[in-house]
PDB file of N, CA and C in Angstrom:
ATOM      1  N   MET A   1     252.200 117.664 182.840  1.00  0.00           N
ATOM      2  CA  MET A   1     253.619 117.772 183.102  1.00  0.00           C
ATOM      3  C   MET A   1     253.964 119.255 183.133  1.00  0.00           C
ATOM      4  N   SER A   2     254.674 119.645 184.153  1.00  0.00           N
ATOM      5  CA  SER A   2     255.051 121.046 184.290  1.00  0.00           C
ATOM      6  C   SER A   2     256.206 121.383 183.337  1.00  0.00           C
ATOM      7  N   PRO A   3     256.401 122.656 183.059  1.00  0.00           N
ATOM      8  CA  PRO A   3     257.532 123.055 182.209  1.00  0.00           C
ATOM      9  C   PRO A   3     258.880 122.634 182.801  1.00  0.00           C
ATOM     10  N   GLU A   4     258.980 122.673 184.127  1.00  0.00           N
ATOM     11  CA  GLU A   4     260.235 122.264 184.775  1.00  0.00           C
ATOM     12  C   GLU A   4     260.481 120.770 184.581  1.00  0.00           C
ATOM     13  N   GLN A   5     259.417 119.986 184.711  1.00  0.00           N
ATOM     14  CA  GLN A   5     259.552 118.538 184.514  1.00  0.00           C
ATOM     15  C   GLN A   5     259.926 118.222 183.072  1.00  0.00           C
ATOM     16  N   LEU A   6     259.311 118.930 182.144  1.00  0.00           N
ATOM     17  CA  LEU A   6     259.619 118.716 180.735  1.00  0.00           C
ATOM     18  C   LEU A   6     261.068 119.057 180.434  1.00  0.00           C
ATOM     19  N   LYS A   7     261.551 120.146 180.995  1.00  0.00           N
ATOM     20  CA  LYS A   7     262.948 120.553 180.795  1.00  0.00           C
ATOM     21  C   LYS A   7     263.905 119.494 181.366  1.00  0.00           C
ATOM     22  N   LYS A   8     263.589 119.001 182.570  1.00  0.00           N
ATOM     23  CA  LYS A   8     264.430 117.979 183.197  1.00  0.00           C
ATOM     24  C   LYS A   8     264.405 116.685 182.382  1.00  0.00           C
ATOM     25  N   LEU A   9     263.228 116.307 181.898  1.00  0.00           N
ATOM     26  CA  LEU A   9     263.110 115.103 181.085  1.00  0.00           C
ATOM     27  C   LEU A   9     263.930 115.226 179.808  1.00  0.00           C
ATOM     28  N   HIS A  10     263.874 116.385 179.181  1.00  0.00           N
ATOM     29  CA  HIS A  10     264.656 116.611 177.964  1.00  0.00           C
ATOM     30  C   HIS A  10     266.153 116.510 178.256  1.00  0.00           C
ATOM     31  N   SER A  11     266.570 117.106 179.360  1.00  0.00           N
ATOM     32  CA  SER A  11     267.975 117.071 179.754  1.00  0.00           C
ATOM     33  C   SER A  11     268.447 115.640 180.014  1.00  0.00           C
ATOM     34  N   LEU A  12     267.644 114.896 180.759  1.00  0.00           N
ATOM     35  CA  LEU A  12     268.003 113.507 181.043  1.00  0.00           C
ATOM     36  C   LEU A  12     267.991 112.666 179.767  1.00  0.00           C
ATOM     37  N   SER A  13     267.020 112.900 178.914  1.00  0.00           N
ATOM     38  CA  SER A  13     266.941 112.149 177.655  1.00  0.00           C
ATOM     39  C   SER A  13     268.205 112.335 176.832  1.00  0.00           C
ATOM     40  N   GLN A  14     268.699 113.566 176.809  1.00  0.00           N
ATOM     41  CA  GLN A  14     269.916 113.847 176.043  1.00  0.00           C
ATOM     42  C   GLN A  14     271.107 113.084 176.619  1.00  0.00           C
ATOM     43  N   LEU A  15     271.204 113.041 177.939  1.00  0.00           N
ATOM     44  CA  LEU A  15     272.297 112.300 178.566  1.00  0.00           C
ATOM     45  C   LEU A  15     272.226 110.814 178.224  1.00  0.00           C
ATOM     46  N   PHE A  16     271.030 110.249 178.252  1.00  0.00           N
ATOM     47  CA  PHE A  16     270.875 108.837 177.904  1.00  0.00           C
ATOM     48  C   PHE A  16     271.205 108.606 176.434  1.00  0.00           C
ATOM     49  N   ARG A  17     270.742 109.504 175.584  1.00  0.00           N
ATOM     50  CA  ARG A  17     271.003 109.385 174.145  1.00  0.00           C
ATOM     51  C   ARG A  17     272.498 109.418 173.845  1.00  0.00           C
ATOM     52  N   ASP A  18     273.213 110.266 174.589  1.00  0.00           N
ATOM     53  CA  ASP A  18     274.655 110.421 174.376  1.00  0.00           C
ATOM     54  C   ASP A  18     275.475 109.363 175.096  1.00  0.00           C
ATOM     55  N   GLY A  19     274.815 108.495 175.840  1.00  0.00           N
ATOM     56  CA  GLY A  19     275.524 107.454 176.576  1.00  0.00           C
ATOM     57  C   GLY A  19     276.259 107.990 177.792  1.00  0.00           C
ATOM     58  N   GLN A  20     275.859 109.139 178.287  1.00  0.00           N
ATOM     59  CA  GLN A  20     276.540 109.783 179.403  1.00  0.00           C
ATOM     60  C   GLN A  20     275.814 109.615 180.737  1.00  0.00           C
ATOM     61  N   ALA A  21     274.677 108.933 180.727  1.00  0.00           N
ATOM     62  CA  ALA A  21     273.897 108.791 181.955  1.00  0.00           C
ATOM     63  C   ALA A  21     274.512 107.735 182.855  1.00  0.00           C
ATOM     64  N   GLY A  22     274.557 108.076 184.115  1.00  0.00           N
ATOM     65  CA  GLY A  22     275.044 107.139 185.120  1.00  0.00           C
ATOM     66  C   GLY A  22     273.933 106.759 186.078  1.00  0.00           C
ATOM     67  N   SER A  23     274.310 106.141 187.171  1.00  0.00           N
ATOM     68  CA  SER A  23     273.312 105.667 188.137  1.00  0.00           C
ATOM     69  C   SER A  23     272.518 106.819 188.747  1.00  0.00           C
ATOM     70  N   GLU A  24     273.140 107.975 188.929  1.00  0.00           N
ATOM     71  CA  GLU A  24     272.419 109.123 189.482  1.00  0.00           C
ATOM     72  C   GLU A  24     271.336 109.604 188.524  1.00  0.00           C
ATOM     73  N   GLN A  25     271.628 109.589 187.225  1.00  0.00           N
ATOM     74  CA  GLN A  25     270.631 110.008 186.237  1.00  0.00           C
ATOM     75  C   GLN A  25     269.491 108.990 186.131  1.00  0.00           C
ATOM     76  N   VAL A  26     269.805 107.714 186.292  1.00  0.00           N
ATOM     77  CA  VAL A  26     268.764 106.682 186.300  1.00  0.00           C
ATOM     78  C   VAL A  26     267.828 106.931 187.473  1.00  0.00           C
ATOM     79  N   LYS A  27     268.406 107.246 188.632  1.00  0.00           N
ATOM     80  CA  LYS A  27     267.605 107.540 189.810  1.00  0.00           C
ATOM     81  C   LYS A  27     266.756 108.792 189.581  1.00  0.00           C
ATOM     82  N   GLU A  28     267.345 109.838 189.015  1.00  0.00           N
ATOM     83  CA  GLU A  28     266.605 111.071 188.740  1.00  0.00           C
ATOM     84  C   GLU A  28     265.442 110.812 187.781  1.00  0.00           C
ATOM     85  N   LEU A  29     265.704 110.036 186.738  1.00  0.00           N
ATOM     86  CA  LEU A  29     264.661 109.727 185.767  1.00  0.00           C
ATOM     87  C   LEU A  29     263.538 108.935 186.414  1.00  0.00           C
ATOM     88  N   SER A  30     263.886 107.976 187.231  1.00  0.00           N
ATOM     89  CA  SER A  30     262.888 107.171 187.925  1.00  0.00           C
ATOM     90  C   SER A  30     262.014 108.047 188.818  1.00  0.00           C
ATOM     91  N   GLU A  31     262.633 108.939 189.568  1.00  0.00           N
ATOM     92  CA  GLU A  31     261.891 109.826 190.460  1.00  0.00           C
ATOM     93  C   GLU A  31     261.017 110.797 189.667  1.00  0.00           C
ATOM     94  N   LEU A  32     261.546 111.305 188.563  1.00  0.00           N
ATOM     95  CA  LEU A  32     260.789 112.232 187.722  1.00  0.00           C
ATOM     96  C   LEU A  32     259.558 111.542 187.135  1.00  0.00           C
ATOM     97  N   LEU A  33     259.739 110.348 186.601  1.00  0.00           N
ATOM     98  CA  LEU A  33     258.616 109.618 186.012  1.00  0.00           C
ATOM     99  C   LEU A  33     257.578 109.242 187.069  1.00  0.00           C
ATOM    100  N   ALA A  34     258.034 108.882 188.257  1.00  0.00           N
ATOM    101  CA  ALA A  34     257.110 108.568 189.343  1.00  0.00           C
ATOM    102  C   ALA A  34     256.297 109.810 189.706  1.00  0.00           C
ATOM    103  N   SER A  35     256.953 110.943 189.742  1.00  0.00           N
ATOM    104  CA  SER A  35     256.264 112.200 190.055  1.00  0.00           C
ATOM    105  C   SER A  35     255.241 112.550 188.988  1.00  0.00           C
ATOM    106  N   ILE A  36     255.630 112.391 187.740  1.00  0.00           N
ATOM    107  CA  ILE A  36     254.716 112.679 186.624  1.00  0.00           C
ATOM    108  C   ILE A  36     253.523 111.738 186.676  1.00  0.00           C
ATOM    109  N   ASN A  37     253.774 110.446 186.870  1.00  0.00           N
ATOM    110  CA  ASN A  37     252.692 109.460 186.922  1.00  0.00           C
ATOM    111  C   ASN A  37     251.788 109.676 188.122  1.00  0.00           C
ATOM    112  N   HIS A  38     252.366 110.107 189.228  1.00  0.00           N
ATOM    113  CA  HIS A  38     251.587 110.342 190.442  1.00  0.00           C
ATOM    114  C   HIS A  38     250.603 111.492 190.244  1.00  0.00           C
ATOM    115  N   HIS A  39     251.012 112.505 189.493  1.00  0.00           N
ATOM    116  CA  HIS A  39     250.172 113.682 189.286  1.00  0.00           C
ATOM    117  C   HIS A  39     249.254 113.556 188.075  1.00  0.00           C
ATOM    118  N   PHE A  40     249.380 112.479 187.326  1.00  0.00           N
ATOM    119  CA  PHE A  40     248.541 112.281 186.147  1.00  0.00           C
ATOM    120  C   PHE A  40     247.128 111.967 186.593  1.00  0.00           C
ATOM    121  N   ASP A  41     246.180 112.697 186.052  1.00  0.00           N
ATOM    122  CA  ASP A  41     244.774 112.508 186.388  1.00  0.00           C
ATOM    123  C   ASP A  41     244.049 111.948 185.170  1.00  0.00           C
ATOM    124  N   PRO A  42     243.754 110.651 185.163  1.00  0.00           N
ATOM    125  CA  PRO A  42     243.113 110.061 183.974  1.00  0.00           C
ATOM    126  C   PRO A  42     241.761 110.681 183.660  1.00  0.00           C
ATOM    127  N   ASP A  43     241.108 111.291 184.652  1.00  0.00           N
ATOM    128  CA  ASP A  43     239.823 111.934 184.390  1.00  0.00           C
ATOM    129  C   ASP A  43     239.984 113.181 183.530  1.00  0.00           C
ATOM    130  N   ASN A  44     241.186 113.747 183.511  1.00  0.00           N
ATOM    131  CA  ASN A  44     241.447 114.927 182.694  1.00  0.00           C
ATOM    132  C   ASN A  44     242.217 114.583 181.426  1.00  0.00           C
ATOM    133  N   ASP A  45     242.430 113.323 181.185  1.00  0.00           N
ATOM    134  CA  ASP A  45     243.169 112.866 180.011  1.00  0.00           C
ATOM    135  C   ASP A  45     242.299 113.005 178.767  1.00  0.00           C
ATOM    136  N   LEU A  46     242.797 113.701 177.771  1.00  0.00           N
ATOM    137  CA  LEU A  46     242.044 113.923 176.541  1.00  0.00           C
ATOM    138  C   LEU A  46     241.674 112.599 175.882  1.00  0.00           C
ATOM    139  N   ALA A  47     242.574 111.661 175.878  1.00  0.00           N
ATOM    140  CA  ALA A  47     242.284 110.371 175.248  1.00  0.00           C
ATOM    141  C   ALA A  47     241.118 109.683 175.954  1.00  0.00           C
ATOM    142  N   SER A  48     241.062 109.781 177.271  1.00  0.00           N
ATOM    143  CA  SER A  48     239.946 109.192 178.004  1.00  0.00           C
ATOM    144  C   SER A  48     238.638 109.869 177.644  1.00  0.00           C
ATOM    145  N   GLU A  49     238.685 111.197 177.515  1.00  0.00           N
ATOM    146  CA  GLU A  49     237.488 111.928 177.132  1.00  0.00           C
ATOM    147  C   GLU A  49     237.030 111.544 175.732  1.00  0.00           C
ATOM    148  N   GLU A  50     237.974 111.357 174.832  1.00  0.00           N
ATOM    149  CA  GLU A  50     237.624 110.959 173.471  1.00  0.00           C
ATOM    150  C   GLU A  50     237.007 109.574 173.457  1.00  0.00           C
ATOM    151  N   ARG A  51     237.520 108.648 174.259  1.00  0.00           N
ATOM    152  CA  ARG A  51     236.957 107.301 174.328  1.00  0.00           C
ATOM    153  C   ARG A  51     235.526 107.349 174.839  1.00  0.00           C
ATOM    154  N   LEU A  52     235.286 108.183 175.854  1.00  0.00           N
ATOM    155  CA  LEU A  52     233.929 108.303 176.385  1.00  0.00           C
ATOM    156  C   LEU A  52     232.989 108.878 175.333  1.00  0.00           C
ATOM    157  N   THR A  53     233.459 109.851 174.586  1.00  0.00           N
ATOM    158  CA  THR A  53     232.636 110.450 173.536  1.00  0.00           C
ATOM    159  C   THR A  53     232.287 109.417 172.481  1.00  0.00           C
ATOM    160  N   ILE A  54     233.251 108.627 172.089  1.00  0.00           N
ATOM    161  CA  ILE A  54     233.018 107.590 171.081  1.00  0.00           C
ATOM    162  C   ILE A  54     232.036 106.554 171.624  1.00  0.00           C
ATOM    163  N   ARG A  55     232.203 106.140 172.880  1.00  0.00           N
ATOM    164  CA  ARG A  55     231.274 105.170 173.467  1.00  0.00           C
ATOM    165  C   ARG A  55     229.862 105.717 173.497  1.00  0.00           C
ATOM    166  N   ASN A  56     229.717 106.986 173.857  1.00  0.00           N
ATOM    167  CA  ASN A  56     228.390 107.596 173.916  1.00  0.00           C
ATOM    168  C   ASN A  56     227.753 107.656 172.530  1.00  0.00           C
ATOM    169  N   ARG A  57     228.541 107.877 171.503  1.00  0.00           N
ATOM    170  CA  ARG A  57     227.992 107.932 170.142  1.00  0.00           C
ATOM    171  C   ARG A  57     227.532 106.558 169.693  1.00  0.00           C
ATOM    172  N   VAL A  58     228.265 105.522 170.078  1.00  0.00           N
ATOM    173  CA  VAL A  58     227.930 104.164 169.678  1.00  0.00           C
ATOM    174  C   VAL A  58     226.677 103.695 170.395  1.00  0.00           C
ATOM    175  N   ASN A  59     226.556 104.029 171.653  1.00  0.00           N
ATOM    176  CA  ASN A  59     225.387 103.606 172.447  1.00  0.00           C
ATOM    177  C   ASN A  59     224.282 104.539 172.145  1.00  0.00           C
TER     178      ASN A  59
END
């Protein structure tokens, strides 16, 4: 997640927390999460690497 995405997510989260989010913010959040998920690379995910390490130790 880029610093810009994190900043936007924090901003949107605050609006939702305060009950101030409207349909435009829902759309923005949906687009932001889709963008984040689209760029997520499970091969570079630390948790995936840890699972592989654990599997290799067991086998």
